[in-house]
Every structure is written in C-alpha cells, then in structure tokens.
C-alpha atoms as a PDB file:
ATOM      1  CA  MET A   1       2.453  18.346  15.810  1.00  0.00           C
ATOM      2  CA  THR A   2      -0.595  17.310  17.933  1.00  0.00           C
ATOM      3  CA  THR A   3      -3.477  15.626  16.799  1.00  0.00           C
ATOM      4  CA  ALA A   4      -6.413  14.018  17.747  1.00  0.00           C
ATOM      5  CA  THR A   5      -4.983  10.992  18.855  1.00  0.00           C
ATOM      6  CA  ILE A   6      -0.981  12.182  19.154  1.00  0.00           C
ATOM      7  CA  PHE A   7       0.270  14.722  21.651  1.00  0.00           C
ATOM      8  CA  GLU A   8       3.598  16.240  21.291  1.00  0.00           C
ATOM      9  CA  CYS A   9       5.797  18.686  23.487  1.00  0.00           C
ATOM     10  CA  SER A  10       9.137  19.530  23.566  1.00  0.00           C
ATOM     11  CA  LEU A  11      11.830  18.784  27.334  1.00  0.00           C
ATOM     12  CA  SER A  12      14.795  19.895  28.560  1.00  0.00           C
ATOM     13  CA  PRO A  13      16.889  17.968  30.148  1.00  0.00           C
ATOM     14  CA  ARG A  14      18.397  19.471  33.400  1.00  0.00           C
ATOM     15  CA  PHE A  15      21.844  20.028  34.600  1.00  0.00           C
ATOM     16  CA  THR A  16      20.872  18.486  37.923  1.00  0.00           C
ATOM     17  CA  ASP A  17      19.276  15.244  35.573  1.00  0.00           C
ATOM     18  CA  LEU A  18      23.070  14.198  34.957  1.00  0.00           C
ATOM     19  CA  ASP A  19      24.707  11.222  36.512  1.00  0.00           C
ATOM     20  CA  THR A  20      28.089   9.999  36.667  1.00  0.00           C
ATOM     21  CA  TRP A  21      28.255   8.830  32.924  1.00  0.00           C
ATOM     22  CA  ARG A  22      27.695  12.701  32.532  1.00  0.00           C
ATOM     23  CA  HIS A  23      24.071  11.682  30.629  1.00  0.00           C
ATOM     24  CA  VAL A  24      20.540  11.552  31.695  1.00  0.00           C
ATOM     25  CA  ASN A  25      20.318   9.619  34.500  1.00  0.00           C
ATOM     26  CA  ASN A  26      17.724   6.490  33.862  1.00  0.00           C
ATOM     27  CA  SER A  27      14.788   7.851  36.660  1.00  0.00           C
ATOM     28  CA  ARG A  28      15.406  11.444  35.284  1.00  0.00           C
ATOM     29  CA  ILE A  29      14.969  10.141  31.510  1.00  0.00           C
ATOM     30  CA  TYR A  30      11.973   8.203  33.436  1.00  0.00           C
ATOM     31  CA  GLN A  31      10.249  10.906  34.482  1.00  0.00           C
ATOM     32  CA  LEU A  32      10.698  12.865  31.157  1.00  0.00           C
ATOM     33  CA  HIS A  33       8.431  10.130  30.143  1.00  0.00           C
ATOM     34  CA  GLN A  34       6.105  11.153  33.270  1.00  0.00           C
ATOM     35  CA  GLU A  35       6.292  14.779  32.195  1.00  0.00           C
ATOM     36  CA  ALA A  36       4.976  14.241  28.345  1.00  0.00           C
ATOM     37  CA  ARG A  37       2.481  12.021  29.887  1.00  0.00           C
ATOM     38  CA  MET A  38       1.328  14.461  32.126  1.00  0.00           C
ATOM     39  CA  ARG A  39       1.085  17.611  29.805  1.00  0.00           C
ATOM     40  CA  ALA A  40      -1.236  15.037  27.687  1.00  0.00           C
ATOM     41  CA  HIS A  41      -3.330  14.979  30.451  1.00  0.00           C
ATOM     42  CA  LEU A  42      -2.977  18.266  30.959  1.00  0.00           C
ATOM     43  CA  GLU A  43      -4.337  19.537  26.901  1.00  0.00           C
ATOM     44  CA  ARG A  44      -6.787  16.877  27.448  1.00  0.00           C
ATOM     45  CA  PHE A  45      -8.617  17.091  30.840  1.00  0.00           C
ATOM     46  CA  GLY A  46      -7.634  20.847  31.602  1.00  0.00           C
ATOM     47  CA  ALA A  47      -5.056  22.637  33.793  1.00  0.00           C
ATOM     48  CA  ASP A  48      -6.204  21.938  36.636  1.00  0.00           C
ATOM     49  CA  ALA A  49      -5.808  17.937  35.804  1.00  0.00           C
ATOM     50  CA  TRP A  50      -2.777  17.591  37.588  1.00  0.00           C
ATOM     51  CA  PHE A  51      -4.080  17.367  40.900  1.00  0.00           C
ATOM     52  CA  SER A  52      -7.020  15.566  42.191  1.00  0.00           C
ATOM     53  CA  ASP A  53      -8.990  15.077  45.847  1.00  0.00           C
ATOM     54  CA  ASP A  54     -11.198  12.504  45.007  1.00  0.00           C
ATOM     55  CA  VAL A  55     -10.336  10.242  42.316  1.00  0.00           C
ATOM     56  CA  ARG A  56      -6.382   9.871  41.586  1.00  0.00           C
ATOM     57  CA  LEU A  57      -4.689   8.151  38.576  1.00  0.00           C
ATOM     58  CA  ARG A  58      -1.312   5.813  38.858  1.00  0.00           C
ATOM     59  CA  PRO A  59       0.680   4.210  37.210  1.00  0.00           C
ATOM     60  CA  LEU A  60      -0.273   0.728  37.645  1.00  0.00           C
ATOM     61  CA  ARG A  61       3.045  -1.033  35.322  1.00  0.00           C
ATOM     62  CA  SER A  62       5.969   1.191  33.800  1.00  0.00           C
ATOM     63  CA  THR A  63       8.041  -0.867  30.881  1.00  0.00           C
ATOM     64  CA  THR A  64      10.109   1.634  29.645  1.00  0.00           C
ATOM     65  CA  ASP A  65      12.724   1.281  26.791  1.00  0.00           C
ATOM     66  CA  TYR A  66      16.583   2.810  26.724  1.00  0.00           C
ATOM     67  CA  ARG A  67      17.512   2.872  23.329  1.00  0.00           C
ATOM     68  CA  LEU A  68      19.941   5.274  22.553  1.00  0.00           C
ATOM     69  CA  VAL A  69      21.672   7.574  25.513  1.00  0.00           C
ATOM     70  CA  THR A  70      20.098  11.013  26.360  1.00  0.00           C
ATOM     71  CA  TRP A  71      22.640  14.120  26.349  1.00  0.00           C
ATOM     72  CA  TYR A  72      22.365  17.173  27.776  1.00  0.00           C
ATOM     73  CA  GLY A  73      22.407  20.195  25.631  1.00  0.00           C
ATOM     74  CA  SER A  74      19.824  19.283  23.732  1.00  0.00           C
ATOM     75  CA  ASP A  75      15.986  19.217  23.408  1.00  0.00           C
ATOM     76  CA  VAL A  76      14.334  16.630  23.462  1.00  0.00           C
ATOM     77  CA  GLN A  77      10.747  15.680  21.311  1.00  0.00           C
ATOM     78  CA  ALA A  78       8.023  13.449  23.194  1.00  0.00           C
ATOM     79  CA  GLN A  79       5.015  11.760  21.542  1.00  0.00           C
ATOM     80  CA  VAL A  80       2.597  10.972  23.436  1.00  0.00           C
ATOM     81  CA  ARG A  81      -0.555   8.506  22.553  1.00  0.00           C
ATOM     82  CA  VAL A  82      -3.364   5.935  23.788  1.00  0.00           C
ATOM     83  CA  LEU A  83      -3.214   2.808  22.759  1.00  0.00           C
ATOM     84  CA  ALA A  84      -6.017   1.024  25.107  1.00  0.00           C
ATOM     85  CA  CYS A  85      -8.307   1.990  27.118  1.00  0.00           C
ATOM     86  CA  GLU A  86     -10.903  -0.306  30.004  1.00  0.00           C
ATOM     87  CA  ASP A  87     -13.326   0.463  32.445  1.00  0.00           C
ATOM     88  CA  ASP A  88     -10.678   0.732  35.305  1.00  0.00           C
ATOM     89  CA  CYS A  89      -7.609   1.273  33.097  1.00  0.00           C
ATOM     90  CA  TYR A  90      -5.946   2.622  30.271  1.00  0.00           C
ATOM     91  CA  ARG A  91      -2.400   2.263  28.343  1.00  0.00           C
ATOM     92  CA  VAL A  92      -0.129   4.919  27.246  1.00  0.00           C
ATOM     93  CA  ARG A  93       2.790   4.706  25.543  1.00  0.00           C
ATOM     94  CA  SER A  94       5.624   7.474  25.415  1.00  0.00           C
ATOM     95  CA  ASP A  95       8.178   7.986  22.468  1.00  0.00           C
ATOM     96  CA  LEU A  96      10.874  10.489  23.478  1.00  0.00           C
ATOM     97  CA  PHE A  97      13.202  11.447  20.467  1.00  0.00           C
ATOM     98  CA  GLN A  98      16.868  13.456  20.605  1.00  0.00           C
ATOM     99  CA  ASN A  99      18.798  15.049  17.531  1.00  0.00           C
ATOM    100  CA  GLY A 100      16.651  12.943  15.115  1.00  0.00           C
ATOM    101  CA  ASN A 101      16.868   9.871  17.086  1.00  0.00           C
ATOM    102  CA  HIS A 102      14.199   7.608  18.514  1.00  0.00           C
ATOM    103  CA  VAL A 103      15.948   7.679  22.086  1.00  0.00           C
ATOM    104  CA  GLY A 104      13.232   5.941  24.324  1.00  0.00           C
ATOM    105  CA  SER A 105       9.370   4.675  24.534  1.00  0.00           C
ATOM    106  CA  GLN A 106       7.365   3.917  27.591  1.00  0.00           C
ATOM    107  CA  ASP A 107       4.354   1.716  27.773  1.00  0.00           C
ATOM    108  CA  CYS A 108       2.227   2.736  31.227  1.00  0.00           C
ATOM    109  CA  LEU A 109      -0.650   1.056  31.788  1.00  0.00           C
ATOM    110  CA  MET A 110      -2.548   3.176  34.021  1.00  0.00           C
ATOM    111  CA  GLY A 111      -5.283   3.057  36.696  1.00  0.00           C
ATOM    112  CA  ALA A 112      -7.637   4.893  38.966  1.00  0.00           C
ATOM    113  CA  PHE A 113      -7.557   4.964  42.730  1.00  0.00           C
ATOM    114  CA  ASN A 114      -9.936   6.907  45.446  1.00  0.00           C
ATOM    115  CA  LYS A 115      -8.493   6.196  49.159  1.00  0.00           C
ATOM    116  CA  HIS A 116      -5.692   4.477  48.009  1.00  0.00           C
ATOM    117  CA  GLU A 117      -7.925   1.276  46.723  1.00  0.00           C
ATOM    118  CA  ARG A 118      -8.447   0.176  43.043  1.00  0.00           C
ATOM    119  CA  VAL A 119     -11.561   2.135  41.541  1.00  0.00           C
ATOM    120  CA  ALA A 120     -13.119   2.014  38.071  1.00  0.00           C
ATOM    121  CA  LEU A 121     -12.171   4.859  35.819  1.00  0.00           C
ATOM    122  CA  PRO A 122     -13.983   8.679  35.757  1.00  0.00           C
ATOM    123  CA  ALA A 123     -16.491   8.382  33.224  1.00  0.00           C
ATOM    124  CA  GLU A 124     -15.281  11.689  31.100  1.00  0.00           C
ATOM    125  CA  VAL A 125     -12.192  10.372  31.424  1.00  0.00           C
ATOM    126  CA  ARG A 126     -12.909   6.434  29.917  1.00  0.00           C
ATOM    127  CA  ASP A 127     -14.807   7.961  27.567  1.00  0.00           C
ATOM    128  CA  ALA A 128     -11.944  10.903  26.257  1.00  0.00           C
ATOM    129  CA  LEU A 129      -9.586   8.130  25.840  1.00  0.00           C
ATOM    130  CA  ALA A 130     -11.205   5.644  24.432  1.00  0.00           C
ATOM    131  CA  GLY A 131     -12.271   7.930  21.447  1.00  0.00           C
ATOM    132  CA  MET A 132      -8.444   8.799  21.314  1.00  0.00           C
ATOM    133  CA  ILE A 133      -7.356   4.945  20.208  1.00  0.00           C
ATOM    134  CA  GLU A 134      -5.866   3.572  17.141  1.00  0.00           C
ATOM    135  CA  GLY A 135      -5.885  -0.052  16.365  1.00  0.00           C
ATOM    136  CA  GLU A 136      -5.360  -2.259  18.612  1.00  0.00           C
ATOM    137  CA  PRO A 137      -2.078  -2.816  20.339  1.00  0.00           C
ATOM    138  CA  GLU A 138       0.329  -5.888  21.484  1.00  0.00           C
ATOM    139  CA  PRO A 139      -1.030  -7.495  25.509  1.00  0.00           C
ATOM    140  CA  LEU A 140       1.821  -6.521  28.073  1.00  0.00           C
ATOM    141  CA  PRO A 141       4.376  -9.172  28.410  1.00  0.00           C
ATOM    142  CA  ASP A 142       4.752 -11.284  31.309  1.00  0.00           C
ATOM    143  CA  PRO A 143       6.782  -9.852  33.973  1.00  0.00           C
ATOM    144  CA  LYS A 144       8.568 -13.538  34.501  1.00  0.00           C
ATOM    145  CA  ASN A 145       9.334 -12.604  38.393  1.00  0.00           C
ATOM    146  CA  ARG A 146       6.221 -13.951  40.421  1.00  0.00           C
ATOM    147  CA  ASP A 147       7.874 -17.249  40.882  1.00  0.00           C
ATOM    148  CA  VAL A 148      11.099 -14.978  42.254  1.00  0.00           C
ATOM    149  CA  LEU A 149       9.851 -12.439  44.004  1.00  0.00           C
ATOM    150  CA  GLN A 150       7.748 -15.165  46.191  1.00  0.00           C
ATOM    151  CA  ARG A 151      11.098 -15.929  47.458  1.00  0.00           C
ATOM    152  CA  ALA A 152      11.526 -11.866  48.719  1.00  0.00           C
ATOM    153  CA  ALA A 153      13.188 -12.715  51.890  1.00  0.00           C
ATOM    154  CA  GLU A 154      15.843 -14.397  50.179  1.00  0.00           C
ATOM    155  CA  PHE A 155      17.683 -11.397  48.092  1.00  0.00           C
ATOM    156  CA  PRO A 156      20.819 -11.773  48.587  1.00  0.00           C
ATOM    157  CA  VAL A 157      21.107  -7.768  48.123  1.00  0.00           C
ATOM    158  CA  THR A 158      19.625  -5.708  50.210  1.00  0.00           C
ATOM    159  CA  CYS A 159      20.011  -1.744  52.005  1.00  0.00           C
ATOM    160  CA  GLN A 160      17.363   0.542  53.960  1.00  0.00           C
ATOM    161  CA  LEU A 161      16.975   3.597  52.981  1.00  0.00           C
ATOM    162  CA  THR A 162      14.403   6.466  55.158  1.00  0.00           C
ATOM    163  CA  PRO A 163      11.920   8.022  53.066  1.00  0.00           C
ATOM    164  CA  ARG A 164      12.058  11.800  52.234  1.00  0.00           C
ATOM    165  CA  TYR A 165       8.889  14.462  52.163  1.00  0.00           C
ATOM    166  CA  GLY A 166      10.482  14.970  48.865  1.00  0.00           C
ATOM    167  CA  ASP A 167       9.047  11.073  48.296  1.00  0.00           C
ATOM    168  CA  LEU A 168       5.521  12.731  48.132  1.00  0.00           C
ATOM    169  CA  ASP A 169       3.619  13.976  45.171  1.00  0.00           C
ATOM    170  CA  VAL A 170       1.051  16.732  44.846  1.00  0.00           C
ATOM    171  CA  ASP A 171      -1.555  14.409  46.339  1.00  0.00           C
ATOM    172  CA  ALA A 172       0.243  14.087  49.741  1.00  0.00           C
ATOM    173  CA  GLN A 173       1.088  10.047  48.563  1.00  0.00           C
ATOM    174  CA  ARG A 174       4.068   8.211  47.726  1.00  0.00           C
ATOM    175  CA  SER A 175       5.176   9.583  44.075  1.00  0.00           C
ATOM    176  CA  GLU A 176       5.710   7.993  40.655  1.00  0.00           C
ATOM    177  CA  ALA A 177       8.854   9.130  41.188  1.00  0.00           C
ATOM    178  CA  ALA A 178      10.687   8.304  44.151  1.00  0.00           C
ATOM    179  CA  LEU A 179       9.594   4.885  43.227  1.00  0.00           C
ATOM    180  CA  ALA A 180      11.173   4.450  39.885  1.00  0.00           C
ATOM    181  CA  GLN A 181      14.184   6.141  42.101  1.00  0.00           C
ATOM    182  CA  TYR A 182      13.948   3.247  44.531  1.00  0.00           C
ATOM    183  CA  MET A 183      14.133   0.226  41.756  1.00  0.00           C
ATOM    184  CA  GLU A 184      17.428   2.360  40.708  1.00  0.00           C
ATOM    185  CA  GLN A 185      18.695   2.380  43.625  1.00  0.00           C
ATOM    186  CA  ALA A 186      17.809  -1.471  44.686  1.00  0.00           C
ATOM    187  CA  ARG A 187      19.303  -2.728  41.186  1.00  0.00           C
ATOM    188  CA  TYR A 188      22.619  -0.040  41.449  1.00  0.00           C
ATOM    189  CA  ASN A 189      23.178  -1.297  45.329  1.00  0.00           C
ATOM    190  CA  ALA A 190      24.185  -5.000  43.913  1.00  0.00           C
ATOM    191  CA  VAL A 191      25.756  -3.191  40.846  1.00  0.00           C
ATOM    192  CA  ARG A 192      28.182  -1.449  42.629  1.00  0.00           C
ATOM    193  CA  GLN A 193      29.403  -4.957  43.920  1.00  0.00           C
ATOM    194  CA  LEU A 194      30.275  -6.290  40.783  1.00  0.00           C
ATOM    195  CA  ASP A 195      33.733  -6.022  39.281  1.00  0.00           C
ATOM    196  CA  PHE A 196      33.118  -5.319  35.660  1.00  0.00           C
ATOM    197  CA  GLY A 197      36.812  -5.923  34.450  1.00  0.00           C
ATOM    198  CA  GLY A 198      37.078  -2.892  32.542  1.00  0.00           C
ATOM    199  CA  LEU A 199      33.786  -2.963  30.844  1.00  0.00           C
ATOM    200  CA  GLY A 200      30.960  -1.458  31.319  1.00  0.00           C
ATOM    201  CA  VAL A 201      27.055  -1.845  31.729  1.00  0.00           C
ATOM    202  CA  LEU A 202      23.586   0.579  30.595  1.00  0.00           C
ATOM    203  CA  VAL A 203      20.514  -0.045  31.648  1.00  0.00           C
ATOM    204  CA  ALA A 204      18.056  -1.385  28.137  1.00  0.00           C
ATOM    205  CA  SER A 205      14.537  -1.574  29.798  1.00  0.00           C
ATOM    206  CA  VAL A 206      13.224  -2.011  33.177  1.00  0.00           C
ATOM    207  CA  ASP A 207       9.732  -3.405  33.942  1.00  0.00           C
ATOM    208  CA  ILE A 208       8.342  -1.331  37.018  1.00  0.00           C
ATOM    209  CA  THR A 209       5.053  -2.829  38.726  1.00  0.00           C
ATOM    210  CA  PHE A 210       3.488  -0.361  41.346  1.00  0.00           C
ATOM    211  CA  GLU A 211       2.101  -1.793  43.918  1.00  0.00           C
ATOM    212  CA  HIS A 212       0.179   0.941  45.932  1.00  0.00           C
ATOM    213  CA  TYR A 213       1.164   4.135  46.607  1.00  0.00           C
ATOM    214  CA  ARG A 214       0.450   5.165  50.528  1.00  0.00           C
ATOM    215  CA  PRO A 215       2.506   7.393  51.565  1.00  0.00           C
ATOM    216  CA  GLY A 216       4.564   7.082  54.999  1.00  0.00           C
ATOM    217  CA  PHE A 217       8.124   7.482  57.128  1.00  0.00           C
ATOM    218  CA  ASP A 218       9.072   3.780  57.842  1.00  0.00           C
ATOM    219  CA  ILE A 219      11.673   2.621  56.707  1.00  0.00           C
ATOM    220  CA  MET A 220      12.048   1.370  53.262  1.00  0.00           C
ATOM    221  CA  ASN A 221      13.985  -1.970  52.229  1.00  0.00           C
ATOM    222  CA  LEU A 222      15.571  -2.454  48.689  1.00  0.00           C
ATOM    223  CA  ALA A 223      16.578  -5.914  47.557  1.00  0.00           C
ATOM    224  CA  ALA A 224      17.952  -7.032  44.230  1.00  0.00           C
ATOM    225  CA  THR A 225      18.648 -10.627  42.889  1.00  0.00           C
ATOM    226  CA  ILE A 226      19.451 -12.097  39.407  1.00  0.00           C
ATOM    227  CA  ASN A 227      16.577 -13.043  37.770  1.00  0.00           C
ATOM    228  CA  ARG A 228      18.359 -14.395  34.317  1.00  0.00           C
ATOM    229  CA  ILE A 229      21.608 -14.310  32.684  1.00  0.00           C
ATOM    230  CA  GLY A 230      22.071 -14.171  28.775  1.00  0.00           C
ATOM    231  CA  ASN A 231      25.475 -13.840  27.098  1.00  0.00           C
ATOM    232  CA  SER A 232      25.368 -10.360  26.725  1.00  0.00           C
ATOM    233  CA  SER A 233      22.988  -9.639  29.251  1.00  0.00           C
ATOM    234  CA  PHE A 234      21.617 -10.144  32.844  1.00  0.00           C
ATOM    235  CA  VAL A 235      18.042  -8.987  34.581  1.00  0.00           C
ATOM    236  CA  PHE A 236      17.438  -7.779  38.262  1.00  0.00           C
ATOM    237  CA  THR A 237      14.519  -8.580  40.367  1.00  0.00           C
ATOM    238  CA  GLY A 238      13.914  -6.179  42.850  1.00  0.00           C
ATOM    239  CA  TYR A 239      11.985  -4.436  45.203  1.00  0.00           C
ATOM    240  CA  ALA A 240      10.915  -1.957  48.154  1.00  0.00           C
ATOM    241  CA  ALA A 241       9.128  -2.588  51.018  1.00  0.00           C
ATOM    242  CA  ASN A 242       8.101  -1.595  53.893  1.00  0.00           C
ATOM    243  CA  SER A 243       5.665  -2.367  57.076  1.00  0.00           C
ATOM    244  CA  GLN A 244       2.800  -1.689  54.646  1.00  0.00           C
ATOM    245  CA  GLY A 245       4.149  -4.845  52.192  1.00  0.00           C
ATOM    246  CA  MET A 246       5.269  -4.380  48.916  1.00  0.00           C
ATOM    247  CA  GLN A 247       5.275  -1.149  47.667  1.00  0.00           C
ATOM    248  CA  ALA A 248       7.148  -1.491  44.090  1.00  0.00           C
ATOM    249  CA  THR A 249       8.733  -3.843  42.706  1.00  0.00           C
ATOM    250  CA  ALA A 250      10.963  -4.548  38.625  1.00  0.00           C
ATOM    251  CA  ASN A 251      12.640  -6.235  36.296  1.00  0.00           C
ATOM    252  CA  SER A 252      15.566  -4.394  34.781  1.00  0.00           C
ATOM    253  CA  VAL A 253      17.797  -5.906  32.010  1.00  0.00           C
ATOM    254  CA  MET A 254      21.238  -4.678  32.255  1.00  0.00           C
ATOM    255  CA  VAL A 255      23.838  -4.847  29.022  1.00  0.00           C
ATOM    256  CA  VAL A 256      27.413  -5.330  29.455  1.00  0.00           C
ATOM    257  CA  ILE A 257      28.971  -3.315  27.087  1.00  0.00           C
ATOM    258  CA  ASP A 258      32.785  -2.053  25.646  1.00  0.00           C
ATOM    259  CA  THR A 259      33.326   1.335  26.706  1.00  0.00           C
ATOM    260  CA  GLY A 260      34.764   2.422  23.644  1.00  0.00           C
ATOM    261  CA  SER A 261      32.032   1.254  21.210  1.00  0.00           C
ATOM    262  CA  ASN A 262      29.302   0.900  23.508  1.00  0.00           C
ATOM    263  CA  ARG A 263      28.549  -1.991  22.129  1.00  0.00           C
ATOM    264  CA  PRO A 264      27.087  -5.376  23.844  1.00  0.00           C
ATOM    265  CA  VAL A 265      30.055  -7.602  24.313  1.00  0.00           C
ATOM    266  CA  PRO A 266      29.641 -11.816  26.211  1.00  0.00           C
ATOM    267  CA  ILE A 267      29.585 -11.231  29.319  1.00  0.00           C
ATOM    268  CA  PRO A 268      33.165 -12.727  30.789  1.00  0.00           C
ATOM    269  CA  ALA A 269      33.530 -15.609  32.499  1.00  0.00           C
ATOM    270  CA  ALA A 270      34.828 -13.855  36.154  1.00  0.00           C
ATOM    271  CA  LEU A 271      32.060 -11.293  35.961  1.00  0.00           C
ATOM    272  CA  ARG A 272      29.159 -14.259  35.284  1.00  0.00           C
ATOM    273  CA  GLN A 273      30.637 -15.853  38.473  1.00  0.00           C
ATOM    274  CA  GLN A 274      29.716 -13.172  40.388  1.00  0.00           C
ATOM    275  CA  LEU A 275      26.480 -12.451  39.205  1.00  0.00           C
ATOM    276  CA  GLU A 276      25.424 -15.932  39.348  1.00  0.00           C
ATOM    277  CA  LYS A 277      26.331 -15.895  43.104  1.00  0.00           C
ATOM    278  CA  MET A 278      23.512 -13.424  43.078  1.00  0.00           C
ATOM    279  CA  MET A 279      21.295 -15.572  42.351  1.00  0.00           C
ATOM    280  CA  LEU A 280      18.565 -17.558  44.463  1.00  0.00           C
ATOM    281  CA  GLN A 281      20.032 -21.114  45.228  1.00  0.00           C
ATOM    282  CA  PRO A 282      17.371 -23.862  43.400  1.00  0.00           C
ATOM    283  CA  VAL A 283      14.917 -24.969  46.050  1.00  0.00           C
ATOM    284  CA  THR A 284      15.503 -28.810  47.412  1.00  0.00           C
ATOM    285  CA  GLN A 285      13.178 -31.137  47.489  1.00  0.00           C
ATOM    286  CA  PRO A 286      13.243 -33.525  49.987  1.00  0.00           C
ATOM    287  CA  SER A 287      13.650 -36.906  49.151  1.00  0.00           C
ATOM    288  CA  SER A 288      11.434 -39.274  49.279  1.00  0.00           C
ATOM    289  CA  ARG A 289      12.031 -42.927  51.129  1.00  0.00           C
END
C-alpha cells in the first residue's frame, strides 16, 4: 500500500522484454526500475510531470542490483522511496518483487538539468522530497573505475553503433534507457568473445554514471575492459562516447555460475587467462639512471 514515504505499483514484464536466456533482460529490468520511479514521481507531482520544457530531472548515477532472475508471466511489485535530498540532487531507491521474492533493487542519484547544464532542483521538488525522507542512507560507494577510465583509449574491446531515433526520450534528449542499453552492449561485446567452457555468467550489479544526455546521431563508440577479477566474479568497466565526449560509463559485476544449479563457481584457469588478456597492461615507469 502506498504511504506518505513509500510508493507502490504493479508492473507487467512483456514478451519483448525477454532475452536469449528466456528471462527478463537486464536492461529491461532497468527500465522497470525507471518506470516505477516515474510513476512515483507522477503520483507526487501530477499527471504531466513526465515531460518538461524547462528544468529536467535525470539520473546522475544508478546502481542496480540483480538479486534473482525475473520471469515472464508474473507481475512485478515495485516499491519506491526517497533516501536523501540536497539543493541540486536527490536519491531514490526502488525495490522489485516477484512471486514474493525480492528480485532486485536500484539506488539512483537524480540531478536537475537546464539546456544540458546542471542546475539546482526546483524549490517545489526539493521541498516535497525533503518531507518524504526517513532516516539517513549510507553514502554511495566509490565506483573504483576513475583510474581505469583515464586510459579509455586503451580499452581492448571496442565497437561502434549508430544511434537511433528510438534512443531519444520525450524531451528529445538521449534517453536514460538507451544509455543503459549502450552499457549492456559494451560488456556483451566482450562476453561473447569468452569461452566459458560450459559454465554460465550472470550480471550481479551494474553501476552507471551518466555524464550528459545531449542528443545526436554521431557514431557512438563503445568500449570495455576487465577492471578486477575475483574468485567467482569479475568486473567490466565500459563506456559510451562520441564527438561530444563520454556520455556514460559503467562497472558491471559478472558472476560465473554452474548452469545446472545457478550457483557461483570458481573461475577456471582457462577462463581466468582469457579475462586477464582483457585487462589493461600495467603502466611501466621509465627507469631512472
């Protein structure tokens, strides 16, 4: 039940949301979070709050955790709450449930833009959201990819795509959903080159930083590299950039699984070697004499 601090709604996965694994695709789950967030916004700010010809509210960063597989044929219940609010940004958390199971969550830092430049939140938005906060959230974690992104030109896995008309949103900007899909494509270009030796891989979480939402149809360059390798997981750092610079960057945590049990397994030596080849080589320091 929707309360003063928690908004609830029901969402229905569509057949076209499914991927080759026959469950709801990760970028489409992202869109379920976006839809829940928008419905909560409309509930608070009115039926026309889904578009703006003035100040526009867009994510600055989103961290999406994929806890369980989401299936077709059962509705998803969503809960949305405000975590924090400052002069120029606010944080929103959404949680998704299916068949009584908590299948995913998203922590989204929202900012305000006017003519593609950051501005303060409108006073009515800031005041309304500030009154909906309960408690104090943990600070957002460090994405731990800044050093890697400084070497973006060296990322080993690259491809190009042509932006589509459908990548624009209702305000004629590059859409949040399109940028999330670009990040998915950047990591998939690398995943498809890997031989998992009969094992599977799942996306555990995706941490996206949105640099800007400027539209355009210049060729988009996607790239990815392996940032870290653990016992049963590894991290892709990827980006989307064009003639206007970086538009989005992301860390994607991937977990290697046994396809029979869907449980994590240690990364085999052969796969680890492939992953290491996708890492950036250490910078060699000139020798001093």
